[in-house]
Amino acid sequence: MIEEIAGQKVPFGYLDATFHRDDFRRRDLPLKANETKIEFLIEGKKVILIDDVLYKGRSVRAALDAMIAFGRPLKVELMVLVDRKYTRDYPIMPDYYGVKVNTLESQYVSVEWTKNGFDKDAIWITEKA
């Protein structure tokens, strides 16, 4: 779909920022890294960083640090499915979002995708256990 809009081939990949997080050593359980697959340099390119939920901004900050291994982008824009406004620890705002929700610190937002085995695509706001 992006290529149809842009009218050209758009390279894409995915990035694991686990070990760039500022809190990864503070967790009770060891974190498991996921795969990073970016088969091109981002040097001098416009990049759209995509995430499911923007909460504190820590994952986005970590992803920005991790991206530098692939070059220095000309510009980075942020796209999120869910923007949990009023909860940031960092001054990070999305350029594009699907939905903005007002949530409390006591709540958790989860996203389910059919491609990950769920019955339907869904966004859930629940109380933290």
N, C-alpha and C. Protein backbone atom coordinates (compact mmCIF):
# COMPACT_ATOMS: atom_id res chain seq x y z
N MET A 1 0.81 -1.19 0.00
CA MET A 1 0.00 0.00 0.00
C MET A 1 0.86 1.26 0.00
N ILE A 2 1.93 1.26 0.79
CA ILE A 2 2.81 2.43 0.83
C ILE A 2 3.44 2.65 -0.54
N GLU A 3 3.83 1.57 -1.19
CA GLU A 3 4.45 1.70 -2.51
C GLU A 3 3.46 2.25 -3.53
N GLU A 4 2.19 1.91 -3.40
CA GLU A 4 1.17 2.47 -4.30
C GLU A 4 1.05 3.97 -4.10
N ILE A 5 1.05 4.41 -2.86
CA ILE A 5 0.94 5.84 -2.56
C ILE A 5 2.19 6.58 -3.00
N ALA A 6 3.36 6.02 -2.70
CA ALA A 6 4.63 6.68 -3.02
C ALA A 6 4.96 6.59 -4.51
N GLY A 7 4.41 5.59 -5.18
CA GLY A 7 4.71 5.41 -6.59
C GLY A 7 6.10 4.86 -6.85
N GLN A 8 6.70 4.28 -5.83
CA GLN A 8 8.03 3.69 -5.96
C GLN A 8 8.23 2.62 -4.89
N LYS A 9 9.27 1.82 -5.05
CA LYS A 9 9.58 0.79 -4.07
C LYS A 9 10.09 1.45 -2.79
N VAL A 10 9.55 1.03 -1.67
CA VAL A 10 9.93 1.59 -0.37
C VAL A 10 10.58 0.49 0.45
N PRO A 11 11.88 0.61 0.75
CA PRO A 11 12.53 -0.42 1.56
C PRO A 11 12.01 -0.37 3.00
N PHE A 12 11.88 -1.52 3.62
CA PHE A 12 11.43 -1.56 5.00
C PHE A 12 12.13 -2.68 5.74
N GLY A 13 12.12 -2.58 7.03
CA GLY A 13 12.72 -3.60 7.87
C GLY A 13 12.13 -3.53 9.26
N TYR A 14 12.68 -4.32 10.17
CA TYR A 14 12.23 -4.24 11.55
C TYR A 14 13.45 -4.23 12.46
N LEU A 15 13.26 -3.57 13.60
CA LEU A 15 14.36 -3.24 14.48
C LEU A 15 14.03 -3.66 15.91
N ASP A 16 14.96 -4.35 16.55
CA ASP A 16 14.80 -4.68 17.96
C ASP A 16 15.66 -3.73 18.78
N ALA A 17 15.03 -3.01 19.68
CA ALA A 17 15.75 -2.02 20.48
C ALA A 17 15.91 -2.47 21.94
N THR A 18 15.74 -3.75 22.21
CA THR A 18 15.76 -4.28 23.57
C THR A 18 16.95 -3.80 24.38
N PHE A 19 18.15 -3.95 23.85
CA PHE A 19 19.35 -3.64 24.63
C PHE A 19 19.75 -2.17 24.55
N HIS A 20 18.93 -1.36 23.91
CA HIS A 20 19.14 0.08 23.90
C HIS A 20 18.20 0.77 24.89
N ARG A 21 17.31 0.00 25.52
CA ARG A 21 16.38 0.58 26.49
C ARG A 21 17.13 0.99 27.75
N ASP A 22 16.70 2.06 28.39
CA ASP A 22 17.36 2.53 29.60
C ASP A 22 16.96 1.72 30.83
N ASP A 23 16.00 0.82 30.69
CA ASP A 23 15.55 0.04 31.83
C ASP A 23 15.77 -1.46 31.68
N PHE A 24 16.54 -1.89 30.67
CA PHE A 24 16.65 -3.33 30.43
C PHE A 24 17.40 -4.06 31.54
N ARG A 25 18.26 -3.41 32.28
CA ARG A 25 18.98 -4.06 33.38
C ARG A 25 18.18 -4.01 34.69
N ARG A 26 17.07 -3.32 34.69
CA ARG A 26 16.28 -3.16 35.91
C ARG A 26 15.11 -4.13 35.99
N ARG A 27 15.02 -5.02 35.07
CA ARG A 27 13.89 -5.96 35.03
C ARG A 27 14.19 -7.17 35.90
N ASP A 28 13.14 -7.77 36.45
CA ASP A 28 13.30 -8.98 37.27
C ASP A 28 13.72 -10.17 36.42
N LEU A 29 13.12 -10.29 35.25
CA LEU A 29 13.44 -11.40 34.35
C LEU A 29 14.32 -10.90 33.21
N PRO A 30 15.25 -11.72 32.74
CA PRO A 30 16.08 -11.29 31.61
C PRO A 30 15.23 -11.08 30.36
N LEU A 31 15.55 -10.05 29.62
CA LEU A 31 14.82 -9.76 28.39
C LEU A 31 15.30 -10.65 27.26
N LYS A 32 14.41 -10.97 26.37
CA LYS A 32 14.74 -11.78 25.20
C LYS A 32 14.77 -10.86 23.99
N ALA A 33 15.88 -10.85 23.31
CA ALA A 33 16.00 -10.01 22.12
C ALA A 33 15.22 -10.63 20.96
N ASN A 34 14.68 -9.79 20.12
CA ASN A 34 14.01 -10.22 18.90
C ASN A 34 14.93 -9.92 17.71
N GLU A 35 14.53 -10.37 16.56
CA GLU A 35 15.36 -10.20 15.37
C GLU A 35 15.30 -8.77 14.84
N THR A 36 16.44 -8.29 14.37
CA THR A 36 16.51 -7.05 13.61
C THR A 36 16.79 -7.43 12.17
N LYS A 37 16.04 -6.86 11.26
CA LYS A 37 16.27 -7.14 9.85
C LYS A 37 16.11 -5.84 9.06
N ILE A 38 17.23 -5.20 8.84
CA ILE A 38 17.28 -4.00 8.01
C ILE A 38 18.43 -4.23 7.03
N GLU A 39 18.10 -4.49 5.80
CA GLU A 39 19.10 -4.88 4.80
C GLU A 39 19.50 -3.73 3.90
N PHE A 40 19.50 -2.53 4.45
CA PHE A 40 19.86 -1.34 3.68
C PHE A 40 20.35 -0.29 4.68
N LEU A 41 21.08 0.69 4.18
CA LEU A 41 21.51 1.80 5.04
C LEU A 41 20.45 2.88 5.03
N ILE A 42 20.31 3.57 6.15
CA ILE A 42 19.34 4.66 6.23
C ILE A 42 20.03 6.02 6.12
N GLU A 43 21.30 6.00 5.87
CA GLU A 43 22.09 7.24 5.75
C GLU A 43 21.43 8.18 4.75
N GLY A 44 21.08 9.38 5.21
CA GLY A 44 20.53 10.41 4.34
C GLY A 44 19.11 10.16 3.85
N LYS A 45 18.44 9.15 4.41
CA LYS A 45 17.08 8.83 3.97
C LYS A 45 16.04 9.31 4.98
N LYS A 46 14.82 9.50 4.51
CA LYS A 46 13.70 9.77 5.40
C LYS A 46 13.20 8.44 5.93
N VAL A 47 13.02 8.35 7.24
CA VAL A 47 12.62 7.11 7.89
C VAL A 47 11.31 7.33 8.64
N ILE A 48 10.40 6.40 8.51
CA ILE A 48 9.19 6.41 9.35
C ILE A 48 9.32 5.24 10.32
N LEU A 49 9.44 5.56 11.58
CA LEU A 49 9.53 4.57 12.65
C LEU A 49 8.10 4.24 13.08
N ILE A 50 7.76 2.95 13.07
CA ILE A 50 6.38 2.53 13.36
C ILE A 50 6.36 1.67 14.61
N ASP A 51 5.42 1.96 15.52
CA ASP A 51 5.26 1.18 16.74
C ASP A 51 3.76 1.00 17.00
N ASP A 52 3.43 0.01 17.82
CA ASP A 52 2.01 -0.21 18.08
C ASP A 52 1.45 0.79 19.09
N VAL A 53 2.07 0.91 20.27
CA VAL A 53 1.55 1.78 21.32
C VAL A 53 2.64 2.74 21.78
N LEU A 54 2.35 4.03 21.78
CA LEU A 54 3.26 5.03 22.34
C LEU A 54 2.79 5.32 23.76
N TYR A 55 3.63 5.00 24.73
CA TYR A 55 3.27 5.16 26.13
C TYR A 55 4.22 6.15 26.78
N LYS A 56 5.29 5.69 27.36
CA LYS A 56 6.26 6.57 28.03
C LYS A 56 7.24 7.22 27.07
N GLY A 57 7.45 6.58 25.91
CA GLY A 57 8.42 7.07 24.95
C GLY A 57 9.75 6.36 25.03
N ARG A 58 9.90 5.44 25.96
CA ARG A 58 11.18 4.75 26.16
C ARG A 58 11.54 3.84 24.99
N SER A 59 10.57 3.14 24.44
CA SER A 59 10.85 2.26 23.29
C SER A 59 11.26 3.06 22.07
N VAL A 60 10.61 4.19 21.86
CA VAL A 60 10.95 5.04 20.72
C VAL A 60 12.35 5.61 20.89
N ARG A 61 12.68 6.08 22.10
CA ARG A 61 14.02 6.61 22.35
C ARG A 61 15.06 5.53 22.10
N ALA A 62 14.79 4.31 22.55
CA ALA A 62 15.72 3.20 22.33
C ALA A 62 15.85 2.88 20.85
N ALA A 63 14.75 2.91 20.13
CA ALA A 63 14.79 2.63 18.69
C ALA A 63 15.60 3.68 17.94
N LEU A 64 15.49 4.93 18.35
CA LEU A 64 16.29 5.99 17.73
C LEU A 64 17.78 5.71 17.93
N ASP A 65 18.15 5.28 19.13
CA ASP A 65 19.55 4.92 19.40
C ASP A 65 19.98 3.73 18.54
N ALA A 66 19.13 2.71 18.45
CA ALA A 66 19.47 1.50 17.70
C ALA A 66 19.58 1.77 16.20
N MET A 67 18.81 2.71 15.69
CA MET A 67 18.82 3.02 14.25
C MET A 67 20.16 3.55 13.78
N ILE A 68 20.90 4.20 14.65
CA ILE A 68 22.17 4.83 14.27
C ILE A 68 23.16 3.81 13.71
N ALA A 69 23.03 2.54 14.08
CA ALA A 69 23.91 1.49 13.54
C ALA A 69 23.73 1.33 12.04
N PHE A 70 22.63 1.84 11.50
CA PHE A 70 22.34 1.70 10.07
C PHE A 70 22.51 3.01 9.31
N GLY A 71 23.13 4.00 9.96
CA GLY A 71 23.39 5.28 9.32
C GLY A 71 22.65 6.41 10.00
N ARG A 72 22.95 7.60 9.54
CA ARG A 72 22.31 8.80 10.09
C ARG A 72 21.20 9.24 9.13
N PRO A 73 19.93 9.09 9.53
CA PRO A 73 18.85 9.44 8.62
C PRO A 73 18.73 10.95 8.43
N LEU A 74 18.20 11.33 7.29
CA LEU A 74 17.93 12.73 7.01
C LEU A 74 16.83 13.25 7.93
N LYS A 75 15.80 12.42 8.12
CA LYS A 75 14.66 12.80 8.95
C LYS A 75 14.00 11.53 9.46
N VAL A 76 13.49 11.59 10.69
CA VAL A 76 12.75 10.47 11.26
C VAL A 76 11.37 10.97 11.68
N GLU A 77 10.34 10.25 11.23
CA GLU A 77 8.98 10.54 11.65
C GLU A 77 8.46 9.32 12.39
N LEU A 78 7.50 9.55 13.29
CA LEU A 78 6.97 8.47 14.12
C LEU A 78 5.50 8.23 13.80
N MET A 79 5.18 6.95 13.56
CA MET A 79 3.79 6.53 13.33
C MET A 79 3.44 5.47 14.37
N VAL A 80 2.32 5.66 15.07
CA VAL A 80 1.87 4.69 16.06
C VAL A 80 0.40 4.35 15.83
N LEU A 81 0.03 3.15 16.20
CA LEU A 81 -1.37 2.76 16.13
C LEU A 81 -2.15 3.44 17.26
N VAL A 82 -1.60 3.38 18.49
CA VAL A 82 -2.27 3.95 19.66
C VAL A 82 -1.34 4.95 20.33
N ASP A 83 -1.83 6.16 20.51
CA ASP A 83 -1.10 7.20 21.23
C ASP A 83 -1.74 7.37 22.60
N ARG A 84 -1.03 6.91 23.63
CA ARG A 84 -1.50 7.10 25.01
C ARG A 84 -1.02 8.46 25.48
N LYS A 85 -1.77 9.48 25.17
CA LYS A 85 -1.33 10.82 25.54
C LYS A 85 -1.37 11.02 27.05
N TYR A 86 -0.65 12.00 27.52
CA TYR A 86 -0.54 12.36 28.94
C TYR A 86 0.27 11.37 29.77
N THR A 87 1.06 10.52 29.16
CA THR A 87 1.81 9.53 29.94
C THR A 87 3.31 9.53 29.64
N ARG A 88 3.83 10.52 28.96
CA ARG A 88 5.22 10.49 28.50
C ARG A 88 6.24 10.77 29.61
N ASP A 89 7.35 10.07 29.51
CA ASP A 89 8.55 10.38 30.29
C ASP A 89 9.52 11.20 29.44
N TYR A 90 9.39 11.07 28.13
CA TYR A 90 10.25 11.78 27.18
C TYR A 90 9.38 12.66 26.28
N PRO A 91 9.94 13.76 25.78
CA PRO A 91 9.15 14.65 24.91
C PRO A 91 9.06 14.10 23.48
N ILE A 92 8.34 13.01 23.34
CA ILE A 92 8.20 12.33 22.05
C ILE A 92 6.72 12.35 21.66
N MET A 93 6.45 12.82 20.45
CA MET A 93 5.08 12.90 19.94
C MET A 93 5.03 12.24 18.57
N PRO A 94 3.94 11.53 18.26
CA PRO A 94 3.85 10.90 16.94
C PRO A 94 3.51 11.92 15.85
N ASP A 95 4.05 11.69 14.66
CA ASP A 95 3.66 12.48 13.50
C ASP A 95 2.35 11.96 12.93
N TYR A 96 2.13 10.66 13.09
CA TYR A 96 0.93 10.00 12.58
C TYR A 96 0.45 9.02 13.64
N TYR A 97 -0.86 8.90 13.80
CA TYR A 97 -1.40 7.95 14.77
C TYR A 97 -2.75 7.43 14.29
N GLY A 98 -3.11 6.25 14.77
CA GLY A 98 -4.41 5.67 14.45
C GLY A 98 -5.48 6.20 15.37
N VAL A 99 -5.20 6.15 16.69
CA VAL A 99 -6.16 6.61 17.68
C VAL A 99 -5.40 7.16 18.88
N LYS A 100 -5.94 8.24 19.47
CA LYS A 100 -5.41 8.78 20.72
C LYS A 100 -6.35 8.36 21.83
N VAL A 101 -5.80 7.87 22.92
CA VAL A 101 -6.63 7.46 24.05
C VAL A 101 -6.13 8.11 25.33
N ASN A 102 -7.07 8.48 26.18
CA ASN A 102 -6.73 8.96 27.51
C ASN A 102 -6.73 7.76 28.43
N THR A 103 -5.60 7.47 29.02
CA THR A 103 -5.51 6.32 29.91
C THR A 103 -4.87 6.75 31.22
N LEU A 104 -5.09 5.95 32.24
CA LEU A 104 -4.49 6.17 33.54
C LEU A 104 -3.24 5.31 33.66
N GLU A 105 -2.38 5.67 34.60
CA GLU A 105 -1.17 4.86 34.85
C GLU A 105 -1.55 3.44 35.26
N SER A 106 -2.71 3.27 35.85
CA SER A 106 -3.15 1.95 36.32
C SER A 106 -3.70 1.07 35.19
N GLN A 107 -3.71 1.58 33.97
CA GLN A 107 -4.26 0.83 32.85
C GLN A 107 -3.17 0.34 31.91
N TYR A 108 -3.52 -0.68 31.16
CA TYR A 108 -2.61 -1.29 30.19
C TYR A 108 -3.30 -1.33 28.84
N VAL A 109 -2.57 -0.99 27.78
CA VAL A 109 -3.11 -1.05 26.43
C VAL A 109 -2.41 -2.19 25.70
N SER A 110 -3.18 -3.11 25.16
CA SER A 110 -2.59 -4.20 24.39
C SER A 110 -3.22 -4.24 23.01
N VAL A 111 -2.43 -4.68 22.05
CA VAL A 111 -2.87 -4.78 20.66
C VAL A 111 -2.76 -6.24 20.25
N GLU A 112 -3.82 -6.76 19.66
CA GLU A 112 -3.85 -8.15 19.19
C GLU A 112 -4.02 -8.16 17.68
N TRP A 113 -3.25 -9.02 16.99
CA TRP A 113 -3.30 -9.12 15.53
C TRP A 113 -3.67 -10.54 15.14
N THR A 114 -4.51 -10.67 14.13
CA THR A 114 -4.87 -12.01 13.63
C THR A 114 -3.63 -12.74 13.13
N LYS A 115 -2.67 -12.00 12.57
CA LYS A 115 -1.45 -12.65 12.07
C LYS A 115 -0.62 -13.26 13.19
N ASN A 116 -0.90 -12.86 14.45
CA ASN A 116 -0.22 -13.44 15.60
C ASN A 116 -1.07 -14.49 16.30
N GLY A 117 -2.14 -14.94 15.63
CA GLY A 117 -2.94 -16.03 16.16
C GLY A 117 -4.21 -15.63 16.89
N PHE A 118 -4.52 -14.35 16.97
CA PHE A 118 -5.75 -13.93 17.63
C PHE A 118 -6.93 -14.05 16.66
N ASP A 119 -8.14 -14.15 17.22
CA ASP A 119 -9.34 -14.30 16.40
C ASP A 119 -9.61 -13.09 15.52
N LYS A 120 -9.30 -11.90 16.04
CA LYS A 120 -9.50 -10.67 15.27
C LYS A 120 -8.51 -9.62 15.73
N ASP A 121 -8.29 -8.61 14.89
CA ASP A 121 -7.46 -7.48 15.28
C ASP A 121 -8.22 -6.68 16.34
N ALA A 122 -7.53 -6.32 17.43
CA ALA A 122 -8.22 -5.61 18.50
C ALA A 122 -7.24 -4.79 19.33
N ILE A 123 -7.77 -3.74 19.93
CA ILE A 123 -7.03 -2.92 20.90
C ILE A 123 -7.81 -3.01 22.21
N TRP A 124 -7.12 -3.36 23.29
CA TRP A 124 -7.76 -3.53 24.59
C TRP A 124 -7.15 -2.57 25.60
N ILE A 125 -7.99 -1.93 26.39
CA ILE A 125 -7.55 -1.13 27.54
C ILE A 125 -8.06 -1.85 28.77
N THR A 126 -7.13 -2.32 29.61
CA THR A 126 -7.50 -3.08 30.80
C THR A 126 -6.77 -2.51 32.01
N GLU A 127 -7.22 -2.90 33.18
CA GLU A 127 -6.54 -2.51 34.41
C GLU A 127 -5.33 -3.41 34.60
N LYS A 128 -4.21 -2.83 35.04
CA LYS A 128 -3.02 -3.63 35.31
C LYS A 128 -3.29 -4.56 36.48
N ALA A 129 -2.73 -5.73 36.41
CA ALA A 129 -2.95 -6.73 37.48
C ALA A 129 -2.14 -6.40 38.71
